[in-house]
């Protein structure tokens, strides 16, 4: 698995780092918010994998905030 790029996404409560890896023709995105949560998503399209990882992170953080 080779890291090809990363994104820093600003957020009012902190920043989200998204690392994108390429593995056997597909992409894997890992989104991390502080030390609270890390999620991953994969797919054949890089942008879709990034959006899916950010969506999963948002879902987790909404549950975390509610507890």
N, C-alpha and C. Protein backbone atom coordinates (compact mmCIF):
# COMPACT_ATOMS: atom_id res chain seq x y z
N UNK A 1 0.86 -1.17 0.00
CA UNK A 1 0.00 0.00 0.00
C UNK A 1 0.91 1.24 0.00
N UNK A 2 0.66 2.12 -0.93
CA UNK A 2 1.50 3.31 -1.09
C UNK A 2 0.67 4.56 -0.87
N UNK A 3 1.15 5.44 0.03
CA UNK A 3 0.45 6.71 0.26
C UNK A 3 0.68 7.61 -0.93
N UNK A 4 -0.42 8.15 -1.49
CA UNK A 4 -0.27 9.00 -2.65
C UNK A 4 -0.52 10.47 -2.35
N UNK A 5 -1.37 10.76 -1.36
CA UNK A 5 -1.58 12.16 -0.98
C UNK A 5 -2.35 12.22 0.33
N UNK A 6 -2.43 13.43 0.88
CA UNK A 6 -3.23 13.64 2.07
C UNK A 6 -3.88 15.01 2.00
N UNK A 7 -4.98 15.15 2.73
CA UNK A 7 -5.72 16.40 2.78
C UNK A 7 -5.87 16.83 4.23
N UNK A 8 -5.87 18.11 4.47
CA UNK A 8 -6.21 18.67 5.77
C UNK A 8 -7.52 19.41 5.58
N UNK A 9 -8.54 19.00 6.33
CA UNK A 9 -9.87 19.59 6.20
C UNK A 9 -10.15 20.41 7.46
N UNK A 10 -10.27 21.72 7.36
CA UNK A 10 -10.53 22.53 8.56
C UNK A 10 -11.96 22.32 9.06
N UNK A 11 -12.10 22.40 10.37
CA UNK A 11 -13.40 22.26 11.02
C UNK A 11 -13.38 23.15 12.24
N UNK A 12 -14.52 23.73 12.62
CA UNK A 12 -14.53 24.64 13.79
C UNK A 12 -14.01 24.00 15.08
N UNK A 13 -14.17 22.69 15.25
CA UNK A 13 -13.72 22.03 16.48
C UNK A 13 -12.37 21.37 16.35
N UNK A 14 -11.70 21.52 15.23
CA UNK A 14 -10.40 20.91 15.02
C UNK A 14 -10.21 20.62 13.55
N UNK A 15 -9.14 19.93 13.21
CA UNK A 15 -8.89 19.60 11.81
C UNK A 15 -9.01 18.10 11.59
N UNK A 16 -9.34 17.75 10.38
CA UNK A 16 -9.44 16.35 9.98
C UNK A 16 -8.33 16.10 8.97
N UNK A 17 -7.60 15.03 9.17
CA UNK A 17 -6.56 14.64 8.21
C UNK A 17 -7.05 13.41 7.46
N UNK A 18 -6.96 13.48 6.14
CA UNK A 18 -7.36 12.35 5.31
C UNK A 18 -6.14 11.88 4.52
N UNK A 19 -5.72 10.65 4.77
CA UNK A 19 -4.62 10.04 4.03
C UNK A 19 -5.21 9.13 2.95
N UNK A 20 -4.66 9.22 1.74
CA UNK A 20 -5.15 8.40 0.63
C UNK A 20 -4.03 7.46 0.21
N UNK A 21 -4.37 6.18 0.12
CA UNK A 21 -3.42 5.14 -0.27
C UNK A 21 -3.92 4.45 -1.53
N UNK A 22 -2.99 3.97 -2.33
CA UNK A 22 -3.34 3.18 -3.51
C UNK A 22 -2.85 1.75 -3.28
N UNK A 23 -3.77 0.80 -3.48
CA UNK A 23 -3.44 -0.60 -3.23
C UNK A 23 -4.11 -1.45 -4.29
N UNK A 24 -3.32 -2.09 -5.11
CA UNK A 24 -3.82 -3.01 -6.14
C UNK A 24 -4.91 -2.39 -7.02
N UNK A 25 -4.73 -1.17 -7.46
CA UNK A 25 -5.67 -0.53 -8.36
C UNK A 25 -6.87 0.13 -7.69
N UNK A 26 -7.02 -0.02 -6.39
CA UNK A 26 -8.12 0.66 -5.70
C UNK A 26 -7.52 1.66 -4.71
N UNK A 27 -8.38 2.51 -4.20
CA UNK A 27 -7.94 3.56 -3.27
C UNK A 27 -8.50 3.30 -1.89
N UNK A 28 -7.74 3.67 -0.89
CA UNK A 28 -8.18 3.55 0.50
C UNK A 28 -7.94 4.90 1.17
N UNK A 29 -8.97 5.41 1.82
CA UNK A 29 -8.87 6.70 2.49
C UNK A 29 -9.05 6.50 3.99
N UNK A 30 -8.17 7.10 4.78
CA UNK A 30 -8.24 7.05 6.23
C UNK A 30 -8.46 8.48 6.73
N UNK A 31 -9.57 8.72 7.40
CA UNK A 31 -9.88 10.04 7.94
C UNK A 31 -9.71 10.00 9.46
N UNK A 32 -8.99 10.99 10.00
CA UNK A 32 -8.71 11.01 11.43
C UNK A 32 -9.05 12.39 12.00
N UNK A 33 -9.80 12.38 13.10
CA UNK A 33 -10.13 13.62 13.80
C UNK A 33 -9.49 13.57 15.18
N UNK A 34 -8.49 14.41 15.39
CA UNK A 34 -7.72 14.46 16.64
C UNK A 34 -7.36 13.04 17.04
N UNK A 35 -7.49 12.71 18.33
CA UNK A 35 -7.28 11.34 18.79
C UNK A 35 -8.60 10.68 19.10
N UNK A 36 -9.69 11.26 18.60
CA UNK A 36 -11.03 10.78 18.93
C UNK A 36 -11.44 9.62 18.04
N UNK A 37 -11.23 9.75 16.73
CA UNK A 37 -11.73 8.73 15.81
C UNK A 37 -10.90 8.66 14.55
N UNK A 38 -10.81 7.44 14.02
CA UNK A 38 -10.21 7.20 12.72
C UNK A 38 -11.10 6.21 11.98
N UNK A 39 -11.45 6.54 10.76
CA UNK A 39 -12.27 5.64 9.94
C UNK A 39 -11.59 5.45 8.60
N UNK A 40 -11.99 4.39 7.90
CA UNK A 40 -11.43 4.17 6.58
C UNK A 40 -12.52 3.75 5.62
N UNK A 41 -12.29 4.04 4.36
CA UNK A 41 -13.20 3.65 3.29
C UNK A 41 -12.35 3.34 2.07
N UNK A 42 -12.87 2.49 1.20
CA UNK A 42 -12.10 2.14 0.01
C UNK A 42 -13.02 2.05 -1.20
N UNK A 43 -12.42 2.14 -2.37
CA UNK A 43 -13.18 2.04 -3.61
C UNK A 43 -12.28 2.25 -4.81
N UNK A 44 -12.87 2.14 -5.98
CA UNK A 44 -12.10 2.30 -7.22
C UNK A 44 -11.90 3.76 -7.59
N UNK A 45 -12.69 4.66 -7.02
CA UNK A 45 -12.58 6.09 -7.30
C UNK A 45 -12.00 6.80 -6.07
N UNK A 46 -10.92 7.53 -6.27
CA UNK A 46 -10.24 8.20 -5.15
C UNK A 46 -11.15 9.19 -4.45
N UNK A 47 -11.84 10.03 -5.22
CA UNK A 47 -12.67 11.06 -4.61
C UNK A 47 -13.85 10.47 -3.85
N UNK A 48 -14.43 9.41 -4.38
CA UNK A 48 -15.54 8.76 -3.68
C UNK A 48 -15.06 8.15 -2.37
N UNK A 49 -13.87 7.55 -2.37
CA UNK A 49 -13.33 6.96 -1.14
C UNK A 49 -13.11 8.03 -0.08
N UNK A 50 -12.61 9.20 -0.48
CA UNK A 50 -12.40 10.30 0.46
C UNK A 50 -13.73 10.79 1.02
N UNK A 51 -14.71 11.00 0.14
CA UNK A 51 -16.03 11.46 0.61
C UNK A 51 -16.69 10.43 1.53
N UNK A 52 -16.56 9.17 1.19
CA UNK A 52 -17.15 8.13 2.02
C UNK A 52 -16.48 8.09 3.40
N UNK A 53 -15.17 8.25 3.46
CA UNK A 53 -14.47 8.27 4.74
C UNK A 53 -14.91 9.48 5.58
N UNK A 54 -15.04 10.64 4.95
CA UNK A 54 -15.50 11.82 5.68
C UNK A 54 -16.93 11.66 6.17
N UNK A 55 -17.76 11.02 5.38
CA UNK A 55 -19.15 10.77 5.77
C UNK A 55 -19.21 9.83 6.98
N UNK A 56 -18.42 8.76 6.93
CA UNK A 56 -18.40 7.81 8.06
C UNK A 56 -17.87 8.48 9.32
N UNK A 57 -16.88 9.34 9.18
CA UNK A 57 -16.34 10.07 10.33
C UNK A 57 -17.39 11.00 10.91
N UNK A 58 -18.13 11.69 10.05
CA UNK A 58 -19.19 12.59 10.53
C UNK A 58 -20.27 11.82 11.27
N UNK A 59 -20.65 10.66 10.75
CA UNK A 59 -21.66 9.84 11.43
C UNK A 59 -21.17 9.42 12.82
N UNK A 60 -19.91 9.00 12.91
CA UNK A 60 -19.35 8.58 14.19
C UNK A 60 -19.29 9.75 15.17
N UNK A 61 -18.83 10.91 14.70
CA UNK A 61 -18.71 12.06 15.59
C UNK A 61 -20.06 12.57 16.07
N UNK A 62 -21.09 12.45 15.25
CA UNK A 62 -22.43 12.83 15.69
C UNK A 62 -22.92 11.92 16.81
N UNK A 63 -22.63 10.62 16.73
CA UNK A 63 -22.99 9.69 17.81
C UNK A 63 -22.17 10.00 19.06
N UNK A 64 -20.87 10.29 18.86
CA UNK A 64 -19.97 10.58 19.97
C UNK A 64 -20.41 11.84 20.71
N UNK A 65 -20.82 12.85 19.96
CA UNK A 65 -21.26 14.12 20.55
C UNK A 65 -22.54 13.92 21.36
N UNK A 66 -23.41 13.02 20.89
CA UNK A 66 -24.68 12.81 21.56
C UNK A 66 -24.58 12.03 22.85
N UNK A 67 -23.49 11.33 23.10
CA UNK A 67 -23.39 10.49 24.30
C UNK A 67 -22.81 11.24 25.48
